[in-house]
Amino acid sequence: MTKKIEIKGVIVSDDEAWIYEWIGISATNPKKVNDLIEKANGEDLEFYINSPGGDVFAGSELYTVLKEYKGKTTGKIIGLAASAASVIAMGCKVLFMSPTAEMMIHNVSSGAQGDYRAMEHSANMLKDYNSTLANAYAIKSGMDKKDILEMMDAETWLTPEKALKYKLIDGILFDDRLEIDNTKERFELLKNNKTDTKAAALANAKLNLLKLEGERNYE
């Protein structure tokens, strides 16, 4: 049985979640997701993502929780996965996008005040945050971290085709050109932590062949 969990609205800290609930604004916080995951008790999970992002540390926590979950986790970006929400999406073992969805990655931002020393300190801190978040995209895609940081600098918006080209997702929903079930082979290798590099290479090769049509002429 597969359990559905929604990651929608602003990504907020546990301490701020009550404010959004009181006002009636859609939001997702780590505790809410953690509680649902604990109730799943190892079942397969499907995460439906539609969020503009939000708190970077809440996003990091959710990414880590999804990444370490022992069961199968399938992410489905059904609207928008921007900023911190795109980081959370990287935590899913298998990730798909709706053909009408968008993904956005960019630099971390914050408010700061003080003298030039405080501004320099804040700038360096933000660069460090960018570097840590870039790790999530690099682990998922295999891309060079430098290239990812350049994409973040440019505030890059990704169609499903572009996200697939960069290997930030594993497939596009409802696309008959992609045999989504074949990603199970890769998942089994990940789940069982197999070290058979030949088998892993074969699984990736099969998946890449399925992606060739989706990667055609998209720049």
N, C-alpha and C. Protein backbone atom coordinates (compact mmCIF):
# COMPACT_ATOMS: atom_id res chain seq x y z
N MET A 1 0.84 -1.20 0.00
CA MET A 1 0.00 0.00 0.00
C MET A 1 0.87 1.25 0.00
N THR A 2 0.46 2.25 -0.78
CA THR A 2 1.22 3.50 -0.88
C THR A 2 0.48 4.62 -0.16
N LYS A 3 1.21 5.35 0.66
CA LYS A 3 0.61 6.45 1.41
C LYS A 3 0.96 7.77 0.74
N LYS A 4 -0.03 8.63 0.59
CA LYS A 4 0.14 9.92 -0.06
C LYS A 4 0.36 11.01 0.99
N ILE A 5 1.41 11.82 0.78
CA ILE A 5 1.71 12.94 1.67
C ILE A 5 1.86 14.20 0.82
N GLU A 6 1.19 15.26 1.20
CA GLU A 6 1.24 16.51 0.45
C GLU A 6 2.26 17.48 1.05
N ILE A 7 3.04 18.08 0.17
CA ILE A 7 3.95 19.17 0.55
C ILE A 7 3.50 20.38 -0.25
N LYS A 8 2.65 21.18 0.36
CA LYS A 8 2.02 22.29 -0.34
C LYS A 8 2.13 23.58 0.46
N GLY A 9 2.07 24.69 -0.25
CA GLY A 9 2.14 25.99 0.41
C GLY A 9 3.56 26.34 0.82
N VAL A 10 3.68 27.33 1.67
CA VAL A 10 4.98 27.82 2.12
C VAL A 10 5.64 26.80 3.04
N ILE A 11 6.95 26.62 2.91
CA ILE A 11 7.71 25.76 3.80
C ILE A 11 8.11 26.60 5.02
N VAL A 12 7.64 26.20 6.20
CA VAL A 12 7.86 27.02 7.40
C VAL A 12 8.44 26.16 8.52
N SER A 13 8.98 26.82 9.52
CA SER A 13 9.49 26.12 10.69
C SER A 13 8.34 25.64 11.56
N ASP A 14 8.62 24.69 12.43
CA ASP A 14 7.57 24.19 13.34
C ASP A 14 7.02 25.31 14.22
N ASP A 15 7.88 26.23 14.64
CA ASP A 15 7.46 27.31 15.53
C ASP A 15 6.51 28.29 14.85
N GLU A 16 6.59 28.41 13.54
CA GLU A 16 5.76 29.38 12.82
C GLU A 16 4.50 28.76 12.20
N ALA A 17 4.42 27.44 12.23
CA ALA A 17 3.33 26.75 11.54
C ALA A 17 1.96 27.18 12.03
N TRP A 18 1.83 27.41 13.34
CA TRP A 18 0.52 27.76 13.91
C TRP A 18 0.01 29.09 13.35
N ILE A 19 0.93 29.99 13.03
CA ILE A 19 0.53 31.30 12.50
C ILE A 19 -0.17 31.13 11.16
N TYR A 20 0.43 30.32 10.30
CA TYR A 20 -0.15 30.08 8.98
C TYR A 20 -1.49 29.35 9.09
N GLU A 21 -1.56 28.42 10.02
CA GLU A 21 -2.81 27.70 10.23
C GLU A 21 -3.91 28.64 10.73
N TRP A 22 -3.54 29.53 11.63
CA TRP A 22 -4.49 30.48 12.21
C TRP A 22 -5.02 31.45 11.14
N ILE A 23 -4.10 31.92 10.28
CA ILE A 23 -4.49 32.85 9.23
C ILE A 23 -5.24 32.13 8.10
N GLY A 24 -4.99 30.84 7.98
CA GLY A 24 -5.63 30.07 6.92
C GLY A 24 -4.82 30.01 5.64
N ILE A 25 -3.49 30.15 5.78
CA ILE A 25 -2.60 30.08 4.62
C ILE A 25 -1.97 28.69 4.57
N SER A 26 -1.98 28.08 3.40
CA SER A 26 -1.42 26.75 3.24
C SER A 26 0.08 26.76 3.52
N ALA A 27 0.52 25.79 4.32
CA ALA A 27 1.94 25.71 4.69
C ALA A 27 2.30 24.28 5.06
N THR A 28 3.58 23.98 4.97
CA THR A 28 4.10 22.66 5.36
C THR A 28 5.29 22.86 6.28
N ASN A 29 5.30 22.16 7.39
CA ASN A 29 6.41 22.23 8.33
C ASN A 29 6.94 20.82 8.62
N PRO A 30 8.17 20.69 9.09
CA PRO A 30 8.78 19.38 9.31
C PRO A 30 7.97 18.45 10.20
N LYS A 31 7.46 18.95 11.31
CA LYS A 31 6.73 18.09 12.24
C LYS A 31 5.51 17.45 11.58
N LYS A 32 4.81 18.23 10.80
CA LYS A 32 3.62 17.73 10.11
C LYS A 32 3.97 16.55 9.21
N VAL A 33 5.05 16.68 8.47
CA VAL A 33 5.48 15.61 7.56
C VAL A 33 6.05 14.44 8.35
N ASN A 34 6.85 14.74 9.39
CA ASN A 34 7.43 13.68 10.21
C ASN A 34 6.35 12.80 10.84
N ASP A 35 5.30 13.43 11.33
CA ASP A 35 4.21 12.67 11.96
C ASP A 35 3.55 11.72 10.96
N LEU A 36 3.35 12.20 9.74
CA LEU A 36 2.74 11.37 8.70
C LEU A 36 3.65 10.22 8.30
N ILE A 37 4.95 10.50 8.24
CA ILE A 37 5.91 9.46 7.87
C ILE A 37 5.97 8.38 8.95
N GLU A 38 5.94 8.79 10.20
CA GLU A 38 5.98 7.82 11.30
C GLU A 38 4.75 6.91 11.26
N LYS A 39 3.60 7.48 10.93
CA LYS A 39 2.38 6.68 10.84
C LYS A 39 2.41 5.72 9.66
N ALA A 40 3.22 6.03 8.66
CA ALA A 40 3.31 5.17 7.47
C ALA A 40 3.97 3.84 7.81
N ASN A 41 4.84 3.86 8.81
CA ASN A 41 5.45 2.62 9.31
C ASN A 41 6.13 1.80 8.21
N GLY A 42 6.93 2.48 7.40
CA GLY A 42 7.71 1.77 6.38
C GLY A 42 7.01 1.54 5.06
N GLU A 43 5.76 1.98 4.92
CA GLU A 43 5.04 1.83 3.66
C GLU A 43 5.68 2.68 2.57
N ASP A 44 5.38 2.34 1.32
CA ASP A 44 5.79 3.19 0.20
C ASP A 44 5.10 4.54 0.34
N LEU A 45 5.83 5.61 0.03
CA LEU A 45 5.29 6.96 0.17
C LEU A 45 5.32 7.69 -1.17
N GLU A 46 4.27 8.44 -1.44
CA GLU A 46 4.21 9.34 -2.59
C GLU A 46 4.04 10.76 -2.09
N PHE A 47 4.96 11.64 -2.47
CA PHE A 47 4.91 13.03 -2.05
C PHE A 47 4.43 13.88 -3.22
N TYR A 48 3.31 14.58 -3.01
CA TYR A 48 2.76 15.48 -4.01
C TYR A 48 3.21 16.89 -3.66
N ILE A 49 4.02 17.49 -4.53
CA ILE A 49 4.69 18.75 -4.21
C ILE A 49 4.15 19.89 -5.05
N ASN A 50 3.74 20.96 -4.37
CA ASN A 50 3.33 22.20 -5.03
C ASN A 50 3.59 23.32 -4.04
N SER A 51 4.78 23.91 -4.11
CA SER A 51 5.20 24.88 -3.09
C SER A 51 6.17 25.90 -3.67
N PRO A 52 6.03 27.17 -3.24
CA PRO A 52 6.97 28.21 -3.69
C PRO A 52 8.26 28.23 -2.88
N GLY A 53 8.37 27.32 -1.88
CA GLY A 53 9.56 27.31 -1.03
C GLY A 53 9.34 28.05 0.27
N GLY A 54 10.42 28.39 0.93
CA GLY A 54 10.31 29.08 2.21
C GLY A 54 11.56 28.94 3.05
N ASP A 55 11.39 28.52 4.29
CA ASP A 55 12.47 28.44 5.26
C ASP A 55 13.53 27.41 4.84
N VAL A 56 14.77 27.86 4.73
CA VAL A 56 15.83 27.00 4.22
C VAL A 56 16.15 25.85 5.18
N PHE A 57 16.08 26.10 6.48
CA PHE A 57 16.41 25.05 7.44
C PHE A 57 15.29 24.01 7.55
N ALA A 58 14.05 24.46 7.45
CA ALA A 58 12.93 23.52 7.41
C ALA A 58 13.02 22.66 6.16
N GLY A 59 13.41 23.28 5.05
CA GLY A 59 13.59 22.54 3.81
C GLY A 59 14.70 21.51 3.92
N SER A 60 15.79 21.90 4.57
CA SER A 60 16.91 20.98 4.77
C SER A 60 16.50 19.79 5.63
N GLU A 61 15.73 20.06 6.68
CA GLU A 61 15.28 18.98 7.55
C GLU A 61 14.40 17.99 6.78
N LEU A 62 13.48 18.52 5.99
CA LEU A 62 12.59 17.65 5.24
C LEU A 62 13.34 16.85 4.17
N TYR A 63 14.31 17.48 3.53
CA TYR A 63 15.16 16.77 2.57
C TYR A 63 15.84 15.58 3.24
N THR A 64 16.39 15.81 4.42
CA THR A 64 17.11 14.77 5.14
C THR A 64 16.18 13.65 5.57
N VAL A 65 15.00 14.00 6.05
CA VAL A 65 14.03 13.00 6.49
C VAL A 65 13.63 12.09 5.32
N LEU A 66 13.36 12.70 4.16
CA LEU A 66 12.99 11.91 2.98
C LEU A 66 14.15 11.05 2.51
N LYS A 67 15.34 11.61 2.56
CA LYS A 67 16.52 10.91 2.07
C LYS A 67 16.83 9.66 2.89
N GLU A 68 16.61 9.72 4.18
CA GLU A 68 16.98 8.60 5.04
C GLU A 68 15.86 7.58 5.23
N TYR A 69 14.67 7.87 4.70
CA TYR A 69 13.56 6.94 4.84
C TYR A 69 13.90 5.62 4.15
N LYS A 70 13.69 4.52 4.84
CA LYS A 70 14.10 3.22 4.33
C LYS A 70 13.18 2.67 3.24
N GLY A 71 11.93 3.08 3.25
CA GLY A 71 11.00 2.60 2.24
C GLY A 71 11.14 3.37 0.93
N LYS A 72 10.31 3.03 -0.04
CA LYS A 72 10.32 3.70 -1.33
C LYS A 72 9.65 5.07 -1.22
N THR A 73 10.30 6.09 -1.73
CA THR A 73 9.72 7.44 -1.75
C THR A 73 9.67 7.93 -3.19
N THR A 74 8.48 8.24 -3.65
CA THR A 74 8.28 8.76 -5.00
C THR A 74 7.76 10.19 -4.89
N GLY A 75 8.46 11.12 -5.51
CA GLY A 75 8.02 12.50 -5.52
C GLY A 75 7.32 12.84 -6.83
N LYS A 76 6.25 13.62 -6.73
CA LYS A 76 5.53 14.07 -7.92
C LYS A 76 5.33 15.58 -7.80
N ILE A 77 6.06 16.33 -8.62
CA ILE A 77 5.90 17.79 -8.66
C ILE A 77 4.69 18.08 -9.54
N ILE A 78 3.61 18.51 -8.92
CA ILE A 78 2.35 18.64 -9.64
C ILE A 78 2.02 20.08 -10.00
N GLY A 79 2.79 21.02 -9.47
CA GLY A 79 2.56 22.43 -9.77
C GLY A 79 3.90 23.15 -9.83
N LEU A 80 4.39 23.53 -8.65
CA LEU A 80 5.66 24.25 -8.55
C LEU A 80 6.51 23.65 -7.44
N ALA A 81 7.78 23.47 -7.73
CA ALA A 81 8.76 23.12 -6.69
C ALA A 81 9.87 24.15 -6.79
N ALA A 82 9.74 25.22 -6.02
CA ALA A 82 10.68 26.32 -6.11
C ALA A 82 11.48 26.45 -4.81
N SER A 83 12.70 26.94 -4.96
CA SER A 83 13.51 27.28 -3.80
C SER A 83 13.64 26.09 -2.84
N ALA A 84 13.26 26.26 -1.58
CA ALA A 84 13.40 25.18 -0.59
C ALA A 84 12.58 23.95 -0.97
N ALA A 85 11.48 24.14 -1.68
CA ALA A 85 10.66 22.99 -2.09
C ALA A 85 11.39 22.12 -3.11
N SER A 86 12.21 22.74 -3.95
CA SER A 86 12.99 21.96 -4.92
C SER A 86 14.06 21.14 -4.20
N VAL A 87 14.58 21.67 -3.10
CA VAL A 87 15.55 20.92 -2.29
C VAL A 87 14.87 19.70 -1.67
N ILE A 88 13.69 19.90 -1.12
CA ILE A 88 12.93 18.78 -0.54
C ILE A 88 12.69 17.70 -1.59
N ALA A 89 12.33 18.12 -2.80
CA ALA A 89 12.06 17.16 -3.87
C ALA A 89 13.27 16.28 -4.16
N MET A 90 14.47 16.83 -4.01
CA MET A 90 15.68 16.07 -4.26
C MET A 90 15.84 14.90 -3.29
N GLY A 91 15.11 14.92 -2.19
CA GLY A 91 15.20 13.85 -1.20
C GLY A 91 14.45 12.60 -1.59
N CYS A 92 13.58 12.69 -2.59
CA CYS A 92 12.82 11.52 -3.04
C CYS A 92 13.71 10.58 -3.84
N LYS A 93 13.57 9.29 -3.61
CA LYS A 93 14.40 8.33 -4.33
C LYS A 93 14.07 8.32 -5.82
N VAL A 94 12.81 8.49 -6.16
CA VAL A 94 12.40 8.61 -7.55
C VAL A 94 11.55 9.88 -7.65
N LEU A 95 11.83 10.71 -8.66
CA LEU A 95 11.15 12.00 -8.75
C LEU A 95 10.63 12.24 -10.16
N PHE A 96 9.35 12.63 -10.24
CA PHE A 96 8.71 12.94 -11.51
C PHE A 96 8.11 14.35 -11.46
N MET A 97 7.89 14.90 -12.65
CA MET A 97 7.19 16.18 -12.78
C MET A 97 6.00 16.00 -13.69
N SER A 98 4.93 16.71 -13.35
CA SER A 98 3.81 16.81 -14.27
C SER A 98 4.28 17.58 -15.51
N PRO A 99 3.75 17.28 -16.69
CA PRO A 99 4.15 18.02 -17.90
C PRO A 99 3.81 19.50 -17.83
N THR A 100 2.97 19.89 -16.89
CA THR A 100 2.60 21.30 -16.74
C THR A 100 3.28 21.97 -15.56
N ALA A 101 4.21 21.29 -14.90
CA ALA A 101 4.84 21.80 -13.68
C ALA A 101 6.11 22.59 -13.99
N GLU A 102 6.62 23.26 -12.95
CA GLU A 102 7.88 24.01 -13.05
C GLU A 102 8.71 23.74 -11.81
N MET A 103 10.04 23.82 -12.00
CA MET A 103 10.97 23.77 -10.88
C MET A 103 11.84 25.02 -10.94
N MET A 104 12.18 25.57 -9.78
CA MET A 104 13.04 26.75 -9.76
C MET A 104 14.11 26.60 -8.68
N ILE A 105 15.35 26.87 -9.05
CA ILE A 105 16.45 26.87 -8.08
C ILE A 105 17.11 28.25 -8.10
N HIS A 106 17.47 28.73 -6.93
CA HIS A 106 18.11 30.05 -6.85
C HIS A 106 18.92 30.17 -5.56
N ASN A 107 19.55 31.32 -5.39
CA ASN A 107 20.35 31.57 -4.20
C ASN A 107 19.48 31.81 -2.97
N VAL A 108 20.04 31.50 -1.82
CA VAL A 108 19.38 31.82 -0.55
C VAL A 108 19.39 33.33 -0.35
N SER A 109 18.33 33.86 0.22
CA SER A 109 18.27 35.29 0.51
C SER A 109 17.85 35.50 1.96
N SER A 110 18.18 36.68 2.48
CA SER A 110 17.81 37.01 3.86
C SER A 110 17.86 38.52 4.03
N GLY A 111 17.36 38.98 5.16
CA GLY A 111 17.47 40.39 5.51
C GLY A 111 18.63 40.57 6.48
N ALA A 112 19.35 41.67 6.36
CA ALA A 112 20.49 41.92 7.25
C ALA A 112 20.62 43.41 7.51
N GLN A 113 21.20 43.75 8.65
CA GLN A 113 21.48 45.15 8.95
C GLN A 113 22.75 45.23 9.78
N GLY A 114 23.36 46.39 9.79
CA GLY A 114 24.59 46.58 10.53
C GLY A 114 25.63 47.28 9.68
N ASP A 115 26.88 47.32 10.19
CA ASP A 115 27.95 47.99 9.45
C ASP A 115 28.52 47.07 8.38
N TYR A 116 29.62 47.52 7.74
CA TYR A 116 30.16 46.76 6.62
C TYR A 116 30.62 45.36 7.03
N ARG A 117 31.05 45.24 8.29
CA ARG A 117 31.49 43.92 8.76
C ARG A 117 30.30 42.95 8.85
N ALA A 118 29.17 43.47 9.30
CA ALA A 118 27.98 42.63 9.39
C ALA A 118 27.50 42.23 8.00
N MET A 119 27.60 43.18 7.04
CA MET A 119 27.17 42.88 5.68
C MET A 119 28.07 41.83 5.03
N GLU A 120 29.39 41.96 5.26
CA GLU A 120 30.32 40.98 4.71
C GLU A 120 30.09 39.61 5.33
N HIS A 121 29.83 39.60 6.63
CA HIS A 121 29.56 38.34 7.31
C HIS A 121 28.29 37.69 6.76
N SER A 122 27.25 38.49 6.54
CA SER A 122 26.00 37.97 6.00
C SER A 122 26.20 37.42 4.59
N ALA A 123 26.98 38.13 3.78
CA ALA A 123 27.24 37.68 2.41
C ALA A 123 27.96 36.34 2.41
N ASN A 124 28.95 36.19 3.27
CA ASN A 124 29.68 34.92 3.34
C ASN A 124 28.79 33.79 3.84
N MET A 125 27.93 34.12 4.79
CA MET A 125 27.01 33.12 5.33
C MET A 125 26.05 32.64 4.23
N LEU A 126 25.53 33.56 3.42
CA LEU A 126 24.62 33.19 2.35
C LEU A 126 25.32 32.32 1.30
N LYS A 127 26.58 32.62 1.02
CA LYS A 127 27.34 31.80 0.07
C LYS A 127 27.50 30.39 0.61
N ASP A 128 27.72 30.27 1.91
CA ASP A 128 27.84 28.94 2.52
C ASP A 128 26.52 28.18 2.42
N TYR A 129 25.41 28.87 2.65
CA TYR A 129 24.10 28.23 2.52
C TYR A 129 23.88 27.75 1.09
N ASN A 130 24.25 28.59 0.12
CA ASN A 130 24.12 28.18 -1.29
C ASN A 130 24.89 26.90 -1.56
N SER A 131 26.11 26.85 -1.01
CA SER A 131 26.96 25.69 -1.23
C SER A 131 26.36 24.41 -0.66
N THR A 132 25.77 24.51 0.53
CA THR A 132 25.19 23.31 1.14
C THR A 132 23.95 22.85 0.38
N LEU A 133 23.12 23.80 -0.07
CA LEU A 133 21.92 23.42 -0.82
C LEU A 133 22.29 22.83 -2.18
N ALA A 134 23.37 23.33 -2.77
CA ALA A 134 23.81 22.80 -4.06
C ALA A 134 24.18 21.32 -3.95
N ASN A 135 24.57 20.89 -2.75
CA ASN A 135 24.89 19.48 -2.55
C ASN A 135 23.71 18.58 -2.90
N ALA A 136 22.50 19.02 -2.54
CA ALA A 136 21.31 18.20 -2.80
C ALA A 136 21.09 18.01 -4.30
N TYR A 137 21.25 19.08 -5.07
CA TYR A 137 21.08 18.98 -6.52
C TYR A 137 22.18 18.12 -7.15
N ALA A 138 23.40 18.26 -6.63
CA ALA A 138 24.54 17.51 -7.16
C ALA A 138 24.38 16.02 -6.91
N ILE A 139 23.95 15.66 -5.70
CA ILE A 139 23.76 14.25 -5.36
C ILE A 139 22.70 13.62 -6.24
N LYS A 140 21.63 14.35 -6.50
CA LYS A 140 20.54 13.82 -7.33
C LYS A 140 20.95 13.68 -8.79
N SER A 141 21.59 14.71 -9.34
CA SER A 141 21.83 14.78 -10.78
C SER A 141 23.19 14.28 -11.22
N GLY A 142 24.17 14.31 -10.32
CA GLY A 142 25.53 13.98 -10.71
C GLY A 142 26.24 15.14 -11.39
N MET A 143 25.60 16.30 -11.42
CA MET A 143 26.20 17.48 -12.05
C MET A 143 27.35 18.01 -11.21
N ASP A 144 28.23 18.76 -11.85
CA ASP A 144 29.30 19.44 -11.15
C ASP A 144 28.71 20.55 -10.28
N LYS A 145 29.19 20.65 -9.07
CA LYS A 145 28.63 21.62 -8.12
C LYS A 145 28.79 23.06 -8.62
N LYS A 146 29.88 23.33 -9.29
CA LYS A 146 30.11 24.67 -9.83
C LYS A 146 29.01 25.06 -10.81
N ASP A 147 28.62 24.11 -11.67
CA ASP A 147 27.56 24.38 -12.65
C ASP A 147 26.23 24.65 -11.96
N ILE A 148 25.98 23.91 -10.89
CA ILE A 148 24.74 24.10 -10.15
C ILE A 148 24.71 25.49 -9.51
N LEU A 149 25.83 25.90 -8.92
CA LEU A 149 25.89 27.22 -8.29
C LEU A 149 25.68 28.33 -9.32
N GLU A 150 26.16 28.12 -10.53
CA GLU A 150 25.91 29.11 -11.59
C GLU A 150 24.43 29.16 -11.95
N MET A 151 23.77 28.01 -11.96
CA MET A 151 22.33 27.98 -12.22
C MET A 151 21.57 28.67 -11.10
N MET A 152 22.03 28.49 -9.87
CA MET A 152 21.40 29.17 -8.74
C MET A 152 21.60 30.68 -8.82
N ASP A 153 22.79 31.11 -9.23
CA ASP A 153 23.06 32.55 -9.41
C ASP A 153 22.10 33.17 -10.41
N ALA A 154 21.77 32.39 -11.44
CA ALA A 154 20.92 32.90 -12.52
C ALA A 154 19.43 32.79 -12.22
N GLU A 155 19.07 32.23 -11.05
CA GLU A 155 17.68 31.89 -10.73
C GLU A 155 17.05 31.14 -11.91
N THR A 156 17.34 29.87 -11.98
CA THR A 156 16.98 29.06 -13.13
C THR A 156 15.61 28.41 -12.96
N TRP A 157 14.74 28.65 -13.95
CA TRP A 157 13.43 28.02 -14.01
C TRP A 157 13.51 26.85 -14.97
N LEU A 158 13.00 25.71 -14.54
CA LEU A 158 13.16 24.49 -15.31
C LEU A 158 11.81 23.90 -15.70
N THR A 159 11.61 23.73 -16.99
CA THR A 159 10.47 22.96 -17.48
C THR A 159 10.75 21.49 -17.16
N PRO A 160 9.75 20.62 -17.27
CA PRO A 160 10.01 19.19 -17.06
C PRO A 160 11.10 18.66 -17.98
N GLU A 161 11.11 19.11 -19.23
CA GLU A 161 12.11 18.65 -20.18
C GLU A 161 13.52 19.07 -19.77
N LYS A 162 13.65 20.30 -19.30
CA LYS A 162 14.97 20.77 -18.87
C LYS A 162 15.41 20.08 -17.59
N ALA A 163 14.49 19.89 -16.67
CA ALA A 163 14.82 19.20 -15.42
C ALA A 163 15.28 17.78 -15.72
N LEU A 164 14.64 17.14 -16.70
CA LEU A 164 15.02 15.78 -17.09
C LEU A 164 16.39 15.78 -17.77
N LYS A 165 16.64 16.79 -18.56
CA LYS A 165 17.93 16.92 -19.24
C LYS A 165 19.06 17.00 -18.23
N TYR A 166 18.86 17.76 -17.16
CA TYR A 166 19.88 17.92 -16.11
C TYR A 166 19.86 16.76 -15.10
N LYS A 167 18.94 15.81 -15.31
CA LYS A 167 18.80 14.64 -14.42
C LYS A 167 18.42 15.03 -12.99
N LEU A 168 17.71 16.14 -12.87
CA LEU A 168 17.17 16.54 -11.58
C LEU A 168 15.87 15.80 -11.29
N ILE A 169 15.27 15.22 -12.32
CA ILE A 169 14.10 14.35 -12.14
C ILE A 169 14.36 13.06 -12.92
N ASP A 170 13.53 12.06 -12.66
CA ASP A 170 13.70 10.76 -13.29
C ASP A 170 12.70 10.51 -14.42
N GLY A 171 11.71 11.36 -14.54
CA GLY A 171 10.74 11.16 -15.60
C GLY A 171 9.65 12.21 -15.59
N ILE A 172 8.85 12.23 -16.63
CA ILE A 172 7.73 13.16 -16.77
C ILE A 172 6.43 12.36 -16.72
N LEU A 173 5.53 12.74 -15.85
CA LEU A 173 4.27 12.03 -15.69
C LEU A 173 3.45 12.05 -16.99
N PHE A 174 2.76 10.96 -17.23
CA PHE A 174 1.82 10.82 -18.35
C PHE A 174 2.51 10.85 -19.72
N ASP A 175 3.84 10.80 -19.75
CA ASP A 175 4.56 10.84 -21.02
C ASP A 175 4.78 9.40 -21.49
N ASP A 176 4.09 9.00 -22.54
CA ASP A 176 4.18 7.63 -23.03
C ASP A 176 5.55 7.30 -23.59
N ARG A 177 6.35 8.31 -23.83
CA ARG A 177 7.69 8.06 -24.35
C ARG A 177 8.62 7.53 -23.27
N LEU A 178 8.23 7.68 -22.01
CA LEU A 178 9.07 7.27 -20.89
C LEU A 178 8.40 6.13 -20.16
N GLU A 179 9.03 5.00 -20.09
CA GLU A 179 8.49 3.86 -19.38
C GLU A 179 8.89 3.98 -17.91
N ILE A 180 8.06 4.66 -17.16
CA ILE A 180 8.38 5.03 -15.79
C ILE A 180 8.70 3.82 -14.92
N ASP A 181 8.05 2.68 -15.16
CA ASP A 181 8.26 1.51 -14.31
C ASP A 181 9.70 1.03 -14.32
N ASN A 182 10.46 1.37 -15.38
CA ASN A 182 11.84 0.93 -15.45
C ASN A 182 12.72 1.57 -14.39
N THR A 183 12.27 2.66 -13.78
CA THR A 183 13.05 3.28 -12.72
C THR A 183 13.06 2.41 -11.48
N LYS A 184 12.20 1.40 -11.41
CA LYS A 184 12.20 0.49 -10.26
C LYS A 184 13.53 -0.22 -10.13
N GLU A 185 14.17 -0.47 -11.27
CA GLU A 185 15.45 -1.17 -11.25
C GLU A 185 16.49 -0.33 -10.51
N ARG A 186 16.50 0.98 -10.81
CA ARG A 186 17.43 1.87 -10.11
C ARG A 186 17.08 1.93 -8.63
N PHE A 187 15.77 2.01 -8.33
CA PHE A 187 15.36 2.11 -6.93
C PHE A 187 15.81 0.90 -6.13
N GLU A 188 15.68 -0.29 -6.70
CA GLU A 188 16.07 -1.49 -5.99
C GLU A 188 17.55 -1.47 -5.64
N LEU A 189 18.36 -0.94 -6.56
CA LEU A 189 19.80 -0.83 -6.29
C LEU A 189 20.06 0.12 -5.14
N LEU A 190 19.34 1.24 -5.14
CA LEU A 190 19.52 2.22 -4.07
C LEU A 190 19.03 1.68 -2.74
N LYS A 191 17.86 1.04 -2.76
CA LYS A 191 17.25 0.57 -1.53
C LYS A 191 18.11 -0.48 -0.85
N ASN A 192 18.68 -1.36 -1.65
CA ASN A 192 19.46 -2.46 -1.09
C ASN A 192 20.93 -2.13 -0.92
N ASN A 193 21.29 -0.86 -1.26
CA ASN A 193 22.68 -0.41 -1.11
C ASN A 193 23.66 -1.36 -1.80
N LYS A 194 23.31 -1.85 -2.97
CA LYS A 194 24.17 -2.78 -3.68
C LYS A 194 25.42 -2.05 -4.18
N THR A 195 26.53 -2.75 -4.17
CA THR A 195 27.79 -2.17 -4.61
C THR A 195 28.21 -2.71 -5.97
N ASP A 196 27.34 -3.47 -6.62
CA ASP A 196 27.64 -4.03 -7.92
C ASP A 196 27.61 -2.91 -8.96
N THR A 197 28.76 -2.33 -9.22
CA THR A 197 28.82 -1.15 -10.10
C THR A 197 28.42 -1.50 -11.52
N LYS A 198 28.68 -2.74 -11.96
CA LYS A 198 28.28 -3.13 -13.31
C LYS A 198 26.76 -3.13 -13.44
N ALA A 199 26.08 -3.69 -12.41
CA ALA A 199 24.61 -3.72 -12.43
C ALA A 199 24.05 -2.31 -12.35
N ALA A 200 24.68 -1.47 -11.52
CA ALA A 200 24.22 -0.09 -11.39
C ALA A 200 24.39 0.66 -12.70
N ALA A 201 25.52 0.43 -13.38
CA ALA A 201 25.75 1.10 -14.66
C ALA A 201 24.73 0.66 -15.70
N LEU A 202 24.39 -0.65 -15.68
CA LEU A 202 23.40 -1.16 -16.63
C LEU A 202 22.03 -0.54 -16.39
N ALA A 203 21.65 -0.43 -15.10
CA ALA A 203 20.36 0.16 -14.77
C ALA A 203 20.29 1.61 -15.22
N ASN A 204 21.38 2.36 -14.97
CA ASN A 204 21.41 3.76 -15.37
C ASN A 204 21.40 3.90 -16.89
N ALA A 205 22.10 2.99 -17.57
CA ALA A 205 22.13 3.03 -19.02
C ALA A 205 20.74 2.83 -19.60
N LYS A 206 20.00 1.86 -19.03
CA LYS A 206 18.63 1.61 -19.50
C LYS A 206 17.76 2.83 -19.28
N LEU A 207 17.89 3.46 -18.11
CA LEU A 207 17.08 4.64 -17.82
C LEU A 207 17.45 5.79 -18.74
N ASN A 208 18.75 5.98 -19.02
CA ASN A 208 19.18 7.06 -19.89
C ASN A 208 18.66 6.89 -21.30
N LEU A 209 18.56 5.64 -21.77
CA LEU A 209 18.00 5.39 -23.10
C LEU A 209 16.55 5.85 -23.16
N LEU A 210 15.84 5.65 -22.05
CA LEU A 210 14.44 6.08 -22.01
C LEU A 210 14.32 7.59 -22.03
N LYS A 211 15.38 8.27 -21.58
CA LYS A 211 15.31 9.72 -21.46
C LYS A 211 15.73 10.44 -22.74
N LEU A 212 16.32 9.72 -23.70
CA LEU A 212 16.88 10.39 -24.85
C LEU A 212 15.85 11.24 -25.57
N GLU A 213 14.64 10.72 -25.73
CA GLU A 213 13.61 11.46 -26.43
C GLU A 213 13.24 12.72 -25.66
N GLY A 214 13.21 12.63 -24.33
CA GLY A 214 12.84 13.79 -23.52
C GLY A 214 13.92 14.84 -23.49
N GLU A 215 15.18 14.46 -23.83
CA GLU A 215 16.28 15.41 -23.77
C GLU A 215 16.54 16.12 -25.10
N ARG A 216 15.77 15.80 -26.10
CA ARG A 216 16.05 16.27 -27.45
C ARG A 216 15.77 17.76 -27.61
N ASN A 217 16.77 18.49 -28.05
CA ASN A 217 16.61 19.90 -28.46
C ASN A 217 16.03 20.80 -27.41
N TYR A 218 16.43 20.62 -26.16
CA TYR A 218 15.98 21.53 -25.10
C TYR A 218 17.19 22.23 -24.53
N GLU A 219 17.27 23.52 -24.66
CA GLU A 219 18.40 24.30 -24.15
C GLU A 219 17.85 25.43 -23.30
